C-alpha atoms as a PDB file:
ATOM      1  CA  UNK A   1     -12.742  23.203  26.049  1.00  0.00           C
ATOM      2  CA  UNK A   2     -10.279  21.650  23.670  1.00  0.00           C
ATOM      3  CA  UNK A   3     -11.212  19.390  20.805  1.00  0.00           C
ATOM      4  CA  UNK A   4      -9.739  15.905  20.940  1.00  0.00           C
ATOM      5  CA  UNK A   5      -8.007  14.746  17.813  1.00  0.00           C
ATOM      6  CA  UNK A   6      -8.093  11.162  16.687  1.00  0.00           C
ATOM      7  CA  UNK A   7      -4.968   9.745  15.171  1.00  0.00           C
ATOM      8  CA  UNK A   8      -5.536   7.050  12.568  1.00  0.00           C
ATOM      9  CA  UNK A   9      -4.747   3.603  13.879  1.00  0.00           C
ATOM     10  CA  UNK A  10      -4.793   4.619  17.529  1.00  0.00           C
ATOM     11  CA  UNK A  11      -7.111   2.579  19.664  1.00  0.00           C
ATOM     12  CA  UNK A  12     -10.146   4.173  21.200  1.00  0.00           C
ATOM     13  CA  UNK A  13     -10.677   3.963  24.975  1.00  0.00           C
ATOM     14  CA  UNK A  14     -13.154   1.066  24.599  1.00  0.00           C
ATOM     15  CA  UNK A  15     -10.924  -1.199  22.493  1.00  0.00           C
ATOM     16  CA  UNK A  16      -8.044  -3.366  23.578  1.00  0.00           C
ATOM     17  CA  UNK A  17      -4.736  -2.766  21.737  1.00  0.00           C
ATOM     18  CA  UNK A  18      -3.961  -6.498  21.490  1.00  0.00           C
ATOM     19  CA  UNK A  19      -7.322  -7.130  19.824  1.00  0.00           C
ATOM     20  CA  UNK A  20      -6.641  -4.270  17.416  1.00  0.00           C
ATOM     21  CA  UNK A  21      -3.268  -5.774  16.481  1.00  0.00           C
ATOM     22  CA  UNK A  22      -4.811  -9.235  16.097  1.00  0.00           C
ATOM     23  CA  UNK A  23      -7.496  -7.951  13.726  1.00  0.00           C
ATOM     24  CA  UNK A  24      -4.977  -5.918  11.725  1.00  0.00           C
ATOM     25  CA  UNK A  25      -2.720  -8.967  11.493  1.00  0.00           C
ATOM     26  CA  UNK A  26      -5.582 -11.060  10.131  1.00  0.00           C
ATOM     27  CA  UNK A  27      -6.307  -8.400   7.530  1.00  0.00           C
ATOM     28  CA  UNK A  28      -2.686  -8.469   6.359  1.00  0.00           C
ATOM     29  CA  UNK A  29      -2.728 -12.303   6.415  1.00  0.00           C
ATOM     30  CA  UNK A  30      -5.867 -12.333   4.256  1.00  0.00           C
ATOM     31  CA  UNK A  31      -4.414  -9.730   1.890  1.00  0.00           C
ATOM     32  CA  UNK A  32      -1.180 -11.666   1.406  1.00  0.00           C
ATOM     33  CA  UNK A  33      -2.972 -14.988   0.872  1.00  0.00           C
ATOM     34  CA  UNK A  34      -5.406 -13.403  -1.586  1.00  0.00           C
ATOM     35  CA  UNK A  35      -2.517 -11.817  -3.478  1.00  0.00           C
ATOM     36  CA  UNK A  36      -0.706 -15.167  -3.657  1.00  0.00           C
ATOM     37  CA  UNK A  37      -3.882 -16.951  -4.766  1.00  0.00           C
ATOM     38  CA  UNK A  38      -4.430 -14.255  -7.399  1.00  0.00           C
ATOM     39  CA  UNK A  39      -0.912 -14.402  -8.769  1.00  0.00           C
ATOM     40  CA  UNK A  40      -1.005 -18.195  -8.905  1.00  0.00           C
ATOM     41  CA  UNK A  41      -4.423 -18.091 -10.623  1.00  0.00           C
ATOM     42  CA  UNK A  42      -3.020 -15.686 -13.221  1.00  0.00           C
ATOM     43  CA  UNK A  43      -0.124 -18.085 -13.899  1.00  0.00           C
ATOM     44  CA  UNK A  44      -2.517 -21.024 -14.072  1.00  0.00           C
ATOM     45  CA  UNK A  45      -4.749 -19.117 -16.480  1.00  0.00           C
ATOM     46  CA  UNK A  46      -1.861 -18.212 -18.756  1.00  0.00           C
ATOM     47  CA  UNK A  47      -0.701 -21.833 -18.680  1.00  0.00           C
ATOM     48  CA  UNK A  48      -4.154 -23.113 -19.656  1.00  0.00           C
ATOM     49  CA  UNK A  49      -4.512 -20.526 -22.441  1.00  0.00           C
ATOM     50  CA  UNK A  50      -1.022 -21.031 -23.889  1.00  0.00           C
ATOM     51  CA  UNK A  51      -0.722 -24.830 -23.667  1.00  0.00           C
ATOM     52  CA  UNK A  52      -3.747 -27.001 -23.016  1.00  0.00           C
ATOM     53  CA  UNK A  53      -1.625 -30.147 -22.955  1.00  0.00           C
ATOM     54  CA  UNK A  54      -0.088 -29.192 -19.577  1.00  0.00           C
ATOM     55  CA  UNK A  55      -3.267 -30.352 -17.818  1.00  0.00           C
ATOM     56  CA  UNK A  56      -4.591 -33.885 -17.540  1.00  0.00           C
ATOM     57  CA  UNK A  57      -7.930 -34.457 -19.231  1.00  0.00           C
ATOM     58  CA  UNK A  58     -10.475 -36.929 -17.922  1.00  0.00           C
ATOM     59  CA  UNK A  59     -13.065 -37.778 -20.577  1.00  0.00           C
ATOM     60  CA  UNK A  60     -15.583 -39.420 -18.229  1.00  0.00           C
ATOM     61  CA  UNK A  61     -15.843 -36.663 -15.616  1.00  0.00           C
ATOM     62  CA  UNK A  62     -19.173 -34.962 -14.875  1.00  0.00           C
ATOM     63  CA  UNK A  63     -17.824 -31.425 -15.354  1.00  0.00           C
ATOM     64  CA  UNK A  64     -16.415 -31.178 -18.857  1.00  0.00           C
ATOM     65  CA  UNK A  65     -15.192 -27.739 -19.950  1.00  0.00           C
ATOM     66  CA  UNK A  66     -12.792 -26.316 -22.485  1.00  0.00           C
ATOM     67  CA  UNK A  67      -9.389 -25.708 -20.878  1.00  0.00           C
ATOM     68  CA  UNK A  68      -8.862 -22.454 -22.765  1.00  0.00           C
ATOM     69  CA  UNK A  69     -12.134 -21.141 -21.336  1.00  0.00           C
ATOM     70  CA  UNK A  70     -11.042 -22.179 -17.848  1.00  0.00           C
ATOM     71  CA  UNK A  71      -7.745 -20.443 -18.457  1.00  0.00           C
ATOM     72  CA  UNK A  72      -9.516 -17.157 -19.134  1.00  0.00           C
ATOM     73  CA  UNK A  73     -11.708 -17.607 -16.064  1.00  0.00           C
ATOM     74  CA  UNK A  74      -8.679 -18.220 -13.821  1.00  0.00           C
ATOM     75  CA  UNK A  75      -6.800 -15.332 -15.417  1.00  0.00           C
ATOM     76  CA  UNK A  76      -9.622 -12.841 -14.785  1.00  0.00           C
ATOM     77  CA  UNK A  77     -10.300 -14.102 -11.246  1.00  0.00           C
ATOM     78  CA  UNK A  78      -6.593 -13.896 -10.439  1.00  0.00           C
ATOM     79  CA  UNK A  79      -6.227 -10.359 -11.760  1.00  0.00           C
ATOM     80  CA  UNK A  80      -9.274  -9.178  -9.793  1.00  0.00           C
ATOM     81  CA  UNK A  81      -7.948 -10.929  -6.665  1.00  0.00           C
ATOM     82  CA  UNK A  82      -4.618  -9.087  -6.932  1.00  0.00           C
ATOM     83  CA  UNK A  83      -6.379  -5.713  -7.305  1.00  0.00           C
ATOM     84  CA  UNK A  84      -8.632  -6.433  -4.320  1.00  0.00           C
ATOM     85  CA  UNK A  85      -5.682  -7.555  -2.197  1.00  0.00           C
ATOM     86  CA  UNK A  86      -4.057  -4.162  -2.752  1.00  0.00           C
ATOM     87  CA  UNK A  87      -7.250  -2.589  -1.400  1.00  0.00           C
ATOM     88  CA  UNK A  88      -7.049  -4.896   1.625  1.00  0.00           C
ATOM     89  CA  UNK A  89      -3.685  -3.408   2.527  1.00  0.00           C
ATOM     90  CA  UNK A  90      -5.535  -0.086   2.791  1.00  0.00           C
ATOM     91  CA  UNK A  91      -8.200  -1.709   5.064  1.00  0.00           C
ATOM     92  CA  UNK A  92     -10.969  -0.629   2.699  1.00  0.00           C
ATOM     93  CA  UNK A  93     -14.426  -2.024   3.410  1.00  0.00           C
ATOM     94  CA  UNK A  94     -15.094  -2.569  -0.308  1.00  0.00           C
ATOM     95  CA  UNK A  95     -11.946  -4.697  -0.441  1.00  0.00           C
ATOM     96  CA  UNK A  96     -13.092  -6.897   2.466  1.00  0.00           C
ATOM     97  CA  UNK A  97     -16.434  -7.541   0.782  1.00  0.00           C
ATOM     98  CA  UNK A  98     -14.796  -7.985  -2.609  1.00  0.00           C
ATOM     99  CA  UNK A  99     -12.165 -10.282  -1.093  1.00  0.00           C
ATOM    100  CA  UNK A 100     -14.799 -12.595   0.346  1.00  0.00           C
ATOM    101  CA  UNK A 101     -16.710 -12.616  -2.958  1.00  0.00           C
ATOM    102  CA  UNK A 102     -13.657 -13.230  -5.141  1.00  0.00           C
ATOM    103  CA  UNK A 103     -12.326 -15.911  -2.770  1.00  0.00           C
ATOM    104  CA  UNK A 104     -15.721 -17.628  -2.999  1.00  0.00           C
ATOM    105  CA  UNK A 105     -15.572 -17.476  -6.794  1.00  0.00           C
ATOM    106  CA  UNK A 106     -12.038 -18.900  -6.710  1.00  0.00           C
ATOM    107  CA  UNK A 107     -13.344 -21.796  -4.584  1.00  0.00           C
ATOM    108  CA  UNK A 108     -16.089 -22.491  -7.130  1.00  0.00           C
ATOM    109  CA  UNK A 109     -13.737 -22.235 -10.120  1.00  0.00           C
ATOM    110  CA  UNK A 110     -11.215 -24.564  -8.503  1.00  0.00           C
ATOM    111  CA  UNK A 111     -13.903 -27.053  -7.535  1.00  0.00           C
ATOM    112  CA  UNK A 112     -15.110 -27.191 -11.120  1.00  0.00           C
ATOM    113  CA  UNK A 113     -11.554 -27.587 -12.415  1.00  0.00           C
ATOM    114  CA  UNK A 114     -10.742 -30.469 -10.033  1.00  0.00           C
ATOM    115  CA  UNK A 115     -10.448 -33.063 -12.830  1.00  0.00           C
ATOM    116  CA  UNK A 116      -7.668 -31.114 -14.573  1.00  0.00           C
ATOM    117  CA  UNK A 117      -5.420 -30.581 -11.531  1.00  0.00           C
ATOM    118  CA  UNK A 118      -6.869 -32.101  -8.360  1.00  0.00           C
ATOM    119  CA  UNK A 119      -4.079 -31.420  -5.867  1.00  0.00           C
ATOM    120  CA  UNK A 120      -3.593 -27.838  -6.984  1.00  0.00           C
ATOM    121  CA  UNK A 121      -7.337 -27.170  -6.932  1.00  0.00           C
ATOM    122  CA  UNK A 122      -7.647 -28.489  -3.369  1.00  0.00           C
ATOM    123  CA  UNK A 123      -4.697 -26.325  -2.304  1.00  0.00           C
ATOM    124  CA  UNK A 124      -6.278 -23.210  -3.843  1.00  0.00           C
ATOM    125  CA  UNK A 125      -9.633 -24.024  -2.221  1.00  0.00           C
ATOM    126  CA  UNK A 126      -7.839 -24.174   1.152  1.00  0.00           C
ATOM    127  CA  UNK A 127      -6.059 -20.834   0.450  1.00  0.00           C
ATOM    128  CA  UNK A 128      -9.377 -19.220  -0.407  1.00  0.00           C
ATOM    129  CA  UNK A 129     -11.013 -20.679   2.690  1.00  0.00           C
ATOM    130  CA  UNK A 130      -8.343 -19.074   4.867  1.00  0.00           C
ATOM    131  CA  UNK A 131      -8.863 -15.763   3.054  1.00  0.00           C
ATOM    132  CA  UNK A 132     -12.606 -15.869   3.709  1.00  0.00           C
ATOM    133  CA  UNK A 133     -11.994 -16.725   7.362  1.00  0.00           C
ATOM    134  CA  UNK A 134      -9.429 -13.954   7.847  1.00  0.00           C
ATOM    135  CA  UNK A 135     -11.661 -11.320   6.260  1.00  0.00           C
ATOM    136  CA  UNK A 136     -14.842 -12.341   8.089  1.00  0.00           C
ATOM    137  CA  UNK A 137     -13.570 -12.952  11.606  1.00  0.00           C
ATOM    138  CA  UNK A 138     -12.685  -9.351  12.556  1.00  0.00           C
ATOM    139  CA  UNK A 139     -15.256  -6.594  12.816  1.00  0.00           C
ATOM    140  CA  UNK A 140     -14.620  -3.165  11.311  1.00  0.00           C
ATOM    141  CA  UNK A 141     -14.266  -1.450  14.693  1.00  0.00           C
ATOM    142  CA  UNK A 142     -11.555  -3.945  15.676  1.00  0.00           C
ATOM    143  CA  UNK A 143      -9.008  -2.627  13.209  1.00  0.00           C
ATOM    144  CA  UNK A 144      -7.717   0.570  11.742  1.00  0.00           C
ATOM    145  CA  UNK A 145      -4.990   0.807   9.164  1.00  0.00           C
ATOM    146  CA  UNK A 146      -3.219  -2.593   9.208  1.00  0.00           C
ATOM    147  CA  UNK A 147       0.048  -1.036   8.059  1.00  0.00           C
ATOM    148  CA  UNK A 148      -0.027   1.750  10.635  1.00  0.00           C
ATOM    149  CA  UNK A 149       2.707   1.069  13.172  1.00  0.00           C
ATOM    150  CA  UNK A 150       2.406   4.293  15.148  1.00  0.00           C
ATOM    151  CA  UNK A 151       3.027   3.950  18.906  1.00  0.00           C
ATOM    152  CA  UNK A 152      -0.110   3.249  20.900  1.00  0.00           C
ATOM    153  CA  UNK A 153      -1.236   4.767  24.193  1.00  0.00           C
ATOM    154  CA  UNK A 154      -0.805   2.316  27.048  1.00  0.00           C
END
């Protein structure tokens, strides 16, 4: 009897190759969106730390926070999002969980910073919503390595 070897990324007899490609594509989509959201959050954080006068201030809004503090929050969230997105390219389970968590935190941070830049905050909330969707919709057994482009058995 010979031992069967399993090549990484190859589909198992019970899975459909198109479903595997779909799930891997969603993982890459989520990773790219999370990386973009992270990079943009880093830039937004640096902008808020360096020059507070770039943002509009609304004195009568319910959520009133120091812009420099928000800058640090966006900077840290953005840096963590970029690191997690690199893990998503490796299809790591910790990165999927971390991606959903950090995208949720980005949604909360952007909701609370709505009075300072409303259009941008809504755009980032939408980005993060797509990231959460892309990372939650596919099950682990549906994908392998999203960057593996080895030929599949037909």
